[in-house]
């Protein structure tokens, strides 16, 4: 689970201010943080299929948001990918 302080920190880093949680970059950063926090749980609990479904929905939403950024502004997309270390 991501704390409100961490969420505000990500919003400030990627959106400019703590209140700007609606920016696409901020949404992707928060989703990435949540996914990174949940991944060890699913490595340990392989039969948690219901939770895995939620994780897959988060991954799909992040993918959709990244596609949107890639379509609208390629420079923002590349910068975000680099900062979040999503693709190696």
PDB file of N, CA and C in Angstrom:
ATOM      1  N   UNK A   1       0.841  -1.181   0.000  1.00  0.00           N
ATOM      2  CA  UNK A   1       0.000   0.000   0.000  1.00  0.00           C
ATOM      3  C   UNK A   1       0.884   1.241   0.000  1.00  0.00           C
ATOM      4  N   UNK A   2       0.492   2.209  -0.746  1.00  0.00           N
ATOM      5  CA  UNK A   2       1.249   3.448  -0.871  1.00  0.00           C
ATOM      6  C   UNK A   2       0.653   4.485   0.088  1.00  0.00           C
ATOM      7  N   UNK A   3       1.514   5.166   0.817  1.00  0.00           N
ATOM      8  CA  UNK A   3       1.038   6.146   1.786  1.00  0.00           C
ATOM      9  C   UNK A   3       0.715   7.460   1.082  1.00  0.00           C
ATOM     10  N   UNK A   4      -0.057   8.284   1.767  1.00  0.00           N
ATOM     11  CA  UNK A   4      -0.423   9.578   1.186  1.00  0.00           C
ATOM     12  C   UNK A   4       0.803  10.488   1.074  1.00  0.00           C
ATOM     13  N   UNK A   5       1.769  10.315   1.989  1.00  0.00           N
ATOM     14  CA  UNK A   5       2.985  11.107   1.914  1.00  0.00           C
ATOM     15  C   UNK A   5       3.791  10.741   0.674  1.00  0.00           C
ATOM     16  N   UNK A   6       3.891   9.436   0.408  1.00  0.00           N
ATOM     17  CA  UNK A   6       4.628   8.978  -0.776  1.00  0.00           C
ATOM     18  C   UNK A   6       3.914   9.426  -2.054  1.00  0.00           C
ATOM     19  N   UNK A   7       2.588   9.368  -2.025  1.00  0.00           N
ATOM     20  CA  UNK A   7       1.797   9.806  -3.165  1.00  0.00           C
ATOM     21  C   UNK A   7       2.016  11.299  -3.433  1.00  0.00           C
ATOM     22  N   UNK A   8       2.024  12.100  -2.380  1.00  0.00           N
ATOM     23  CA  UNK A   8       2.265  13.533  -2.521  1.00  0.00           C
ATOM     24  C   UNK A   8       3.678  13.804  -3.019  1.00  0.00           C
ATOM     25  N   UNK A   9       4.627  12.996  -2.549  1.00  0.00           N
ATOM     26  CA  UNK A   9       6.017  13.133  -2.991  1.00  0.00           C
ATOM     27  C   UNK A   9       6.140  12.846  -4.496  1.00  0.00           C
ATOM     28  N   UNK A  10       5.467  11.797  -4.958  1.00  0.00           N
ATOM     29  CA  UNK A  10       5.484  11.466  -6.385  1.00  0.00           C
ATOM     30  C   UNK A  10       4.781  12.550  -7.202  1.00  0.00           C
ATOM     31  N   UNK A  11       3.689  13.086  -6.661  1.00  0.00           N
ATOM     32  CA  UNK A  11       2.962  14.151  -7.356  1.00  0.00           C
ATOM     33  C   UNK A  11       3.840  15.390  -7.499  1.00  0.00           C
ATOM     34  N   UNK A  12       4.593  15.710  -6.464  1.00  0.00           N
ATOM     35  CA  UNK A  12       5.468  16.877  -6.517  1.00  0.00           C
ATOM     36  C   UNK A  12       6.597  16.654  -7.523  1.00  0.00           C
ATOM     37  N   UNK A  13       7.138  15.441  -7.551  1.00  0.00           N
ATOM     38  CA  UNK A  13       8.258  15.148  -8.452  1.00  0.00           C
ATOM     39  C   UNK A  13       7.828  15.133  -9.917  1.00  0.00           C
ATOM     40  N   UNK A  14       6.692  14.488 -10.214  1.00  0.00           N
ATOM     41  CA  UNK A  14       6.289  14.306 -11.603  1.00  0.00           C
ATOM     42  C   UNK A  14       5.238  15.305 -12.078  1.00  0.00           C
ATOM     43  N   UNK A  15       4.521  15.945 -11.143  1.00  0.00           N
ATOM     44  CA  UNK A  15       3.456  16.848 -11.550  1.00  0.00           C
ATOM     45  C   UNK A  15       3.694  18.300 -11.251  1.00  0.00           C
ATOM     46  N   UNK A  16       4.736  18.613 -10.499  1.00  0.00           N
ATOM     47  CA  UNK A  16       5.045  20.005 -10.213  1.00  0.00           C
ATOM     48  C   UNK A  16       4.606  20.450  -8.837  1.00  0.00           C
ATOM     49  N   UNK A  17       3.452  19.958  -8.345  1.00  0.00           N
ATOM     50  CA  UNK A  17       3.003  20.307  -6.994  1.00  0.00           C
ATOM     51  C   UNK A  17       2.358  19.091  -6.356  1.00  0.00           C
ATOM     52  N   UNK A  18       2.210  19.138  -5.044  1.00  0.00           N
ATOM     53  CA  UNK A  18       1.634  18.006  -4.310  1.00  0.00           C
ATOM     54  C   UNK A  18       0.164  17.793  -4.640  1.00  0.00           C
ATOM     55  N   UNK A  19      -0.502  18.829  -5.090  1.00  0.00           N
ATOM     56  CA  UNK A  19      -1.935  18.756  -5.379  1.00  0.00           C
ATOM     57  C   UNK A  19      -2.231  18.231  -6.786  1.00  0.00           C
ATOM     58  N   UNK A  20      -1.229  18.155  -7.643  1.00  0.00           N
ATOM     59  CA  UNK A  20      -1.422  17.787  -9.039  1.00  0.00           C
ATOM     60  C   UNK A  20      -1.365  16.264  -9.215  1.00  0.00           C
ATOM     61  N   UNK A  21      -2.307  15.562  -8.612  1.00  0.00           N
ATOM     62  CA  UNK A  21      -2.295  14.103  -8.695  1.00  0.00           C
ATOM     63  C   UNK A  21      -3.004  13.587  -9.940  1.00  0.00           C
ATOM     64  N   UNK A  22      -3.613  14.462 -10.717  1.00  0.00           N
ATOM     65  CA  UNK A  22      -4.342  14.035 -11.903  1.00  0.00           C
ATOM     66  C   UNK A  22      -3.510  14.002 -13.166  1.00  0.00           C
ATOM     67  N   UNK A  23      -2.302  14.540 -13.117  1.00  0.00           N
ATOM     68  CA  UNK A  23      -1.442  14.525 -14.296  1.00  0.00           C
ATOM     69  C   UNK A  23      -1.125  13.083 -14.670  1.00  0.00           C
ATOM     70  N   UNK A  24      -1.029  12.828 -15.959  1.00  0.00           N
ATOM     71  CA  UNK A  24      -0.824  11.460 -16.433  1.00  0.00           C
ATOM     72  C   UNK A  24       0.498  10.905 -15.900  1.00  0.00           C
ATOM     73  N   UNK A  25       1.537  11.728 -15.866  1.00  0.00           N
ATOM     74  CA  UNK A  25       2.829  11.262 -15.361  1.00  0.00           C
ATOM     75  C   UNK A  25       2.731  10.841 -13.902  1.00  0.00           C
ATOM     76  N   UNK A  26       1.978  11.602 -13.122  1.00  0.00           N
ATOM     77  CA  UNK A  26       1.805  11.287 -11.701  1.00  0.00           C
ATOM     78  C   UNK A  26       1.032   9.984 -11.549  1.00  0.00           C
ATOM     79  N   UNK A  27      -0.012   9.804 -12.346  1.00  0.00           N
ATOM     80  CA  UNK A  27      -0.792   8.570 -12.269  1.00  0.00           C
ATOM     81  C   UNK A  27       0.068   7.359 -12.606  1.00  0.00           C
ATOM     82  N   UNK A  28       0.913   7.483 -13.624  1.00  0.00           N
ATOM     83  CA  UNK A  28       1.797   6.378 -13.997  1.00  0.00           C
ATOM     84  C   UNK A  28       2.797   6.102 -12.879  1.00  0.00           C
ATOM     85  N   UNK A  29       3.346   7.152 -12.271  1.00  0.00           N
ATOM     86  CA  UNK A  29       4.319   6.982 -11.188  1.00  0.00           C
ATOM     87  C   UNK A  29       3.688   6.295  -9.982  1.00  0.00           C
ATOM     88  N   UNK A  30       2.471   6.683  -9.637  1.00  0.00           N
ATOM     89  CA  UNK A  30       1.788   6.072  -8.490  1.00  0.00           C
ATOM     90  C   UNK A  30       1.454   4.616  -8.787  1.00  0.00           C
ATOM     91  N   UNK A  31       0.974   4.331  -9.992  1.00  0.00           N
ATOM     92  CA  UNK A  31       0.691   2.947 -10.370  1.00  0.00           C
ATOM     93  C   UNK A  31       1.959   2.097 -10.346  1.00  0.00           C
ATOM     94  N   UNK A  32       3.056   2.659 -10.811  1.00  0.00           N
ATOM     95  CA  UNK A  32       4.325   1.930 -10.804  1.00  0.00           C
ATOM     96  C   UNK A  32       4.748   1.613  -9.384  1.00  0.00           C
ATOM     97  N   UNK A  33       4.588   2.558  -8.498  1.00  0.00           N
ATOM     98  CA  UNK A  33       4.937   2.342  -7.082  1.00  0.00           C
ATOM     99  C   UNK A  33       4.070   1.234  -6.479  1.00  0.00           C
ATOM    100  N   UNK A  34       2.776   1.266  -6.768  1.00  0.00           N
ATOM    101  CA  UNK A  34       1.873   0.242  -6.251  1.00  0.00           C
ATOM    102  C   UNK A  34       2.232  -1.133  -6.803  1.00  0.00           C
ATOM    103  N   UNK A  35       2.557  -1.192  -8.092  1.00  0.00           N
ATOM    104  CA  UNK A  35       2.919  -2.467  -8.717  1.00  0.00           C
ATOM    105  C   UNK A  35       4.204  -3.015  -8.102  1.00  0.00           C
ATOM    106  N   UNK A  36       5.180  -2.148  -7.888  1.00  0.00           N
ATOM    107  CA  UNK A  36       6.439  -2.585  -7.286  1.00  0.00           C
ATOM    108  C   UNK A  36       6.233  -3.091  -5.863  1.00  0.00           C
ATOM    109  N   UNK A  37       5.297  -2.482  -5.134  1.00  0.00           N
ATOM    110  CA  UNK A  37       5.023  -2.928  -3.766  1.00  0.00           C
ATOM    111  C   UNK A  37       4.297  -4.266  -3.736  1.00  0.00           C
ATOM    112  N   UNK A  38       3.467  -4.546  -4.730  1.00  0.00           N
ATOM    113  CA  UNK A  38       2.679  -5.781  -4.739  1.00  0.00           C
ATOM    114  C   UNK A  38       3.422  -6.979  -5.323  1.00  0.00           C
ATOM    115  N   UNK A  39       4.401  -6.754  -6.144  1.00  0.00           N
ATOM    116  CA  UNK A  39       5.081  -7.845  -6.839  1.00  0.00           C
ATOM    117  C   UNK A  39       5.657  -8.901  -5.894  1.00  0.00           C
ATOM    118  N   UNK A  40       6.340  -8.539  -4.799  1.00  0.00           N
ATOM    119  CA  UNK A  40       6.872  -9.588  -3.908  1.00  0.00           C
ATOM    120  C   UNK A  40       5.775 -10.472  -3.299  1.00  0.00           C
ATOM    121  N   UNK A  41       4.605  -9.899  -3.042  1.00  0.00           N
ATOM    122  CA  UNK A  41       3.499 -10.681  -2.496  1.00  0.00           C
ATOM    123  C   UNK A  41       3.109 -11.803  -3.450  1.00  0.00           C
ATOM    124  N   UNK A  42       3.053 -11.492  -4.740  1.00  0.00           N
ATOM    125  CA  UNK A  42       2.621 -12.491  -5.711  1.00  0.00           C
ATOM    126  C   UNK A  42       3.723 -13.475  -6.060  1.00  0.00           C
ATOM    127  N   UNK A  43       4.978 -13.121  -5.809  1.00  0.00           N
ATOM    128  CA  UNK A  43       6.054 -14.088  -5.971  1.00  0.00           C
ATOM    129  C   UNK A  43       5.965 -15.145  -4.864  1.00  0.00           C
ATOM    130  N   UNK A  44       5.530 -14.699  -3.684  1.00  0.00           N
ATOM    131  CA  UNK A  44       5.419 -15.613  -2.548  1.00  0.00           C
ATOM    132  C   UNK A  44       4.103 -16.382  -2.557  1.00  0.00           C
ATOM    133  N   UNK A  45       3.007 -15.737  -2.954  1.00  0.00           N
ATOM    134  CA  UNK A  45       1.672 -16.344  -2.938  1.00  0.00           C
ATOM    135  C   UNK A  45       1.185 -16.560  -4.368  1.00  0.00           C
ATOM    136  N   UNK A  46       1.632 -17.626  -4.966  1.00  0.00           N
ATOM    137  CA  UNK A  46       1.342 -17.876  -6.376  1.00  0.00           C
ATOM    138  C   UNK A  46      -0.126 -18.196  -6.641  1.00  0.00           C
ATOM    139  N   UNK A  47      -0.867 -18.634  -5.627  1.00  0.00           N
ATOM    140  CA  UNK A  47      -2.264 -19.024  -5.846  1.00  0.00           C
ATOM    141  C   UNK A  47      -3.262 -17.914  -5.525  1.00  0.00           C
ATOM    142  N   UNK A  48      -2.792 -16.723  -5.299  1.00  0.00           N
ATOM    143  CA  UNK A  48      -3.678 -15.587  -5.038  1.00  0.00           C
ATOM    144  C   UNK A  48      -4.163 -15.018  -6.372  1.00  0.00           C
ATOM    145  N   UNK A  49      -5.088 -15.725  -6.996  1.00  0.00           N
ATOM    146  CA  UNK A  49      -5.536 -15.351  -8.334  1.00  0.00           C
ATOM    147  C   UNK A  49      -6.391 -14.084  -8.330  1.00  0.00           C
ATOM    148  N   UNK A  50      -7.164 -13.878  -7.286  1.00  0.00           N
ATOM    149  CA  UNK A  50      -8.004 -12.689  -7.222  1.00  0.00           C
ATOM    150  C   UNK A  50      -7.148 -11.431  -7.116  1.00  0.00           C
ATOM    151  N   UNK A  51      -6.132 -11.476  -6.276  1.00  0.00           N
ATOM    152  CA  UNK A  51      -5.221 -10.344  -6.152  1.00  0.00           C
ATOM    153  C   UNK A  51      -4.424 -10.130  -7.421  1.00  0.00           C
ATOM    154  N   UNK A  52      -4.067 -11.232  -8.076  1.00  0.00           N
ATOM    155  CA  UNK A  52      -3.322 -11.141  -9.324  1.00  0.00           C
ATOM    156  C   UNK A  52      -4.143 -10.431 -10.399  1.00  0.00           C
ATOM    157  N   UNK A  53      -5.448 -10.649 -10.382  1.00  0.00           N
ATOM    158  CA  UNK A  53      -6.320  -9.979 -11.340  1.00  0.00           C
ATOM    159  C   UNK A  53      -6.254  -8.463 -11.145  1.00  0.00           C
ATOM    160  N   UNK A  54      -6.280  -8.024  -9.885  1.00  0.00           N
ATOM    161  CA  UNK A  54      -6.165  -6.594  -9.593  1.00  0.00           C
ATOM    162  C   UNK A  54      -4.827  -6.034 -10.054  1.00  0.00           C
ATOM    163  N   UNK A  55      -3.761  -6.812  -9.851  1.00  0.00           N
ATOM    164  CA  UNK A  55      -2.442  -6.385 -10.303  1.00  0.00           C
ATOM    165  C   UNK A  55      -2.411  -6.255 -11.822  1.00  0.00           C
ATOM    166  N   UNK A  56      -3.009  -7.207 -12.518  1.00  0.00           N
ATOM    167  CA  UNK A  56      -3.036  -7.155 -13.985  1.00  0.00           C
ATOM    168  C   UNK A  56      -3.854  -5.957 -14.484  1.00  0.00           C
ATOM    169  N   UNK A  57      -4.918  -5.604 -13.763  1.00  0.00           N
ATOM    170  CA  UNK A  57      -5.704  -4.423 -14.135  1.00  0.00           C
ATOM    171  C   UNK A  57      -4.870  -3.156 -13.972  1.00  0.00           C
ATOM    172  N   UNK A  58      -4.071  -3.097 -12.896  1.00  0.00           N
ATOM    173  CA  UNK A  58      -3.202  -1.937 -12.692  1.00  0.00           C
ATOM    174  C   UNK A  58      -2.159  -1.846 -13.797  1.00  0.00           C
ATOM    175  N   UNK A  59      -1.588  -2.985 -14.173  1.00  0.00           N
ATOM    176  CA  UNK A  59      -0.586  -3.007 -15.235  1.00  0.00           C
ATOM    177  C   UNK A  59      -1.218  -2.560 -16.554  1.00  0.00           C
ATOM    178  N   UNK A  60      -2.426  -3.014 -16.824  1.00  0.00           N
ATOM    179  CA  UNK A  60      -3.125  -2.610 -18.043  1.00  0.00           C
ATOM    180  C   UNK A  60      -3.440  -1.128 -18.066  1.00  0.00           C
ATOM    181  N   UNK A  61      -3.850  -0.583 -16.928  1.00  0.00           N
ATOM    182  CA  UNK A  61      -4.132   0.849 -16.850  1.00  0.00           C
ATOM    183  C   UNK A  61      -2.867   1.662 -17.074  1.00  0.00           C
ATOM    184  N   UNK A  62      -1.764   1.202 -16.456  1.00  0.00           N
ATOM    185  CA  UNK A  62      -0.486   1.901 -16.650  1.00  0.00           C
ATOM    186  C   UNK A  62      -0.069   1.848 -18.117  1.00  0.00           C
ATOM    187  N   UNK A  63      -0.256   0.700 -18.739  1.00  0.00           N
ATOM    188  CA  UNK A  63       0.084   0.562 -20.159  1.00  0.00           C
ATOM    189  C   UNK A  63      -0.738   1.529 -21.013  1.00  0.00           C
ATOM    190  N   UNK A  64      -2.035   1.639 -20.711  1.00  0.00           N
ATOM    191  CA  UNK A  64      -2.896   2.556 -21.457  1.00  0.00           C
ATOM    192  C   UNK A  64      -2.452   4.003 -21.288  1.00  0.00           C
ATOM    193  N   UNK A  65      -2.118   4.390 -20.066  1.00  0.00           N
ATOM    194  CA  UNK A  65      -1.659   5.759 -19.824  1.00  0.00           C
ATOM    195  C   UNK A  65      -0.336   6.031 -20.528  1.00  0.00           C
ATOM    196  N   UNK A  66       0.556   5.039 -20.531  1.00  0.00           N
ATOM    197  CA  UNK A  66       1.829   5.211 -21.226  1.00  0.00           C
ATOM    198  C   UNK A  66       1.632   5.323 -22.736  1.00  0.00           C
ATOM    199  N   UNK A  67       0.678   4.562 -23.273  1.00  0.00           N
ATOM    200  CA  UNK A  67       0.368   4.672 -24.698  1.00  0.00           C
ATOM    201  C   UNK A  67      -0.128   6.075 -25.023  1.00  0.00           C
ATOM    202  N   UNK A  68      -0.970   6.610 -24.155  1.00  0.00           N
ATOM    203  CA  UNK A  68      -1.509   7.958 -24.354  1.00  0.00           C
ATOM    204  C   UNK A  68      -0.379   8.987 -24.375  1.00  0.00           C
ATOM    205  N   UNK A  69       0.531   8.903 -23.403  1.00  0.00           N
ATOM    206  CA  UNK A  69       1.642   9.850 -23.361  1.00  0.00           C
ATOM    207  C   UNK A  69       2.511   9.689 -24.603  1.00  0.00           C
ATOM    208  N   UNK A  70       2.752   8.460 -25.013  1.00  0.00           N
ATOM    209  CA  UNK A  70       3.562   8.210 -26.201  1.00  0.00           C
ATOM    210  C   UNK A  70       2.951   8.790 -27.458  1.00  0.00           C
ATOM    211  N   UNK A  71       1.616   8.734 -27.562  1.00  0.00           N
ATOM    212  CA  UNK A  71       0.926   9.296 -28.722  1.00  0.00           C
ATOM    213  C   UNK A  71       0.962  10.812 -28.732  1.00  0.00           C
ATOM    214  N   UNK A  72       0.798  11.421 -27.559  1.00  0.00           N
ATOM    215  CA  UNK A  72       0.662  12.877 -27.508  1.00  0.00           C
ATOM    216  C   UNK A  72       1.996  13.603 -27.461  1.00  0.00           C
ATOM    217  N   UNK A  73       2.959  13.083 -26.686  1.00  0.00           N
ATOM    218  CA  UNK A  73       4.245  13.779 -26.547  1.00  0.00           C
ATOM    219  C   UNK A  73       5.351  12.756 -26.317  1.00  0.00           C
ATOM    220  N   UNK A  74       6.086  12.455 -27.371  1.00  0.00           N
ATOM    221  CA  UNK A  74       7.117  11.418 -27.314  1.00  0.00           C
ATOM    222  C   UNK A  74       8.233  11.774 -26.334  1.00  0.00           C
ATOM    223  N   UNK A  75       8.593  13.044 -26.227  1.00  0.00           N
ATOM    224  CA  UNK A  75       9.671  13.462 -25.320  1.00  0.00           C
ATOM    225  C   UNK A  75       9.279  13.206 -23.860  1.00  0.00           C
ATOM    226  N   UNK A  76       8.045  13.552 -23.501  1.00  0.00           N
ATOM    227  CA  UNK A  76       7.559  13.287 -22.134  1.00  0.00           C
ATOM    228  C   UNK A  76       7.559  11.796 -21.846  1.00  0.00           C
ATOM    229  N   UNK A  77       7.162  11.005 -22.834  1.00  0.00           N
ATOM    230  CA  UNK A  77       7.116   9.551 -22.696  1.00  0.00           C
ATOM    231  C   UNK A  77       8.506   8.991 -22.410  1.00  0.00           C
ATOM    232  N   UNK A  78       9.485   9.383 -23.201  1.00  0.00           N
ATOM    233  CA  UNK A  78      10.838   8.876 -23.017  1.00  0.00           C
ATOM    234  C   UNK A  78      11.426   9.310 -21.681  1.00  0.00           C
ATOM    235  N   UNK A  79      11.152  10.550 -21.284  1.00  0.00           N
ATOM    236  CA  UNK A  79      11.643  11.047 -20.005  1.00  0.00           C
ATOM    237  C   UNK A  79      11.033  10.264 -18.841  1.00  0.00           C
ATOM    238  N   UNK A  80       9.730  10.003 -18.919  1.00  0.00           N
ATOM    239  CA  UNK A  80       9.040   9.270 -17.855  1.00  0.00           C
ATOM    240  C   UNK A  80       9.546   7.842 -17.748  1.00  0.00           C
ATOM    241  N   UNK A  81       9.723   7.184 -18.876  1.00  0.00           N
ATOM    242  CA  UNK A  81      10.226   5.806 -18.886  1.00  0.00           C
ATOM    243  C   UNK A  81      11.610   5.740 -18.251  1.00  0.00           C
ATOM    244  N   UNK A  82      12.444   6.733 -18.580  1.00  0.00           N
ATOM    245  CA  UNK A  82      13.806   6.759 -18.048  1.00  0.00           C
ATOM    246  C   UNK A  82      13.793   6.993 -16.538  1.00  0.00           C
ATOM    247  N   UNK A  83      12.976   7.934 -16.071  1.00  0.00           N
ATOM    248  CA  UNK A  83      12.941   8.258 -14.645  1.00  0.00           C
ATOM    249  C   UNK A  83      12.375   7.113 -13.806  1.00  0.00           C
ATOM    250  N   UNK A  84      11.369   6.424 -14.348  1.00  0.00           N
ATOM    251  CA  UNK A  84      10.756   5.325 -13.588  1.00  0.00           C
ATOM    252  C   UNK A  84      11.473   3.981 -13.803  1.00  0.00           C
ATOM    253  N   UNK A  85      12.447   3.971 -14.718  1.00  0.00           N
ATOM    254  CA  UNK A  85      13.213   2.763 -15.029  1.00  0.00           C
ATOM    255  C   UNK A  85      12.288   1.610 -15.417  1.00  0.00           C
ATOM    256  N   UNK A  86      11.353   1.884 -16.332  1.00  0.00           N
ATOM    257  CA  UNK A  86      10.398   0.861 -16.736  1.00  0.00           C
ATOM    258  C   UNK A  86      10.969  -0.065 -17.787  1.00  0.00           C
ATOM    259  N   UNK A  87      11.738   0.461 -18.715  1.00  0.00           N
ATOM    260  CA  UNK A  87      12.305  -0.363 -19.770  1.00  0.00           C
ATOM    261  C   UNK A  87      13.808  -0.228 -19.735  1.00  0.00           C
ATOM    262  N   UNK A  88      14.473  -1.336 -19.886  1.00  0.00           N
ATOM    263  CA  UNK A  88      15.938  -1.332 -19.806  1.00  0.00           C
ATOM    264  C   UNK A  88      16.534  -1.307 -21.181  1.00  0.00           C
TER     265      UNK A  88
END
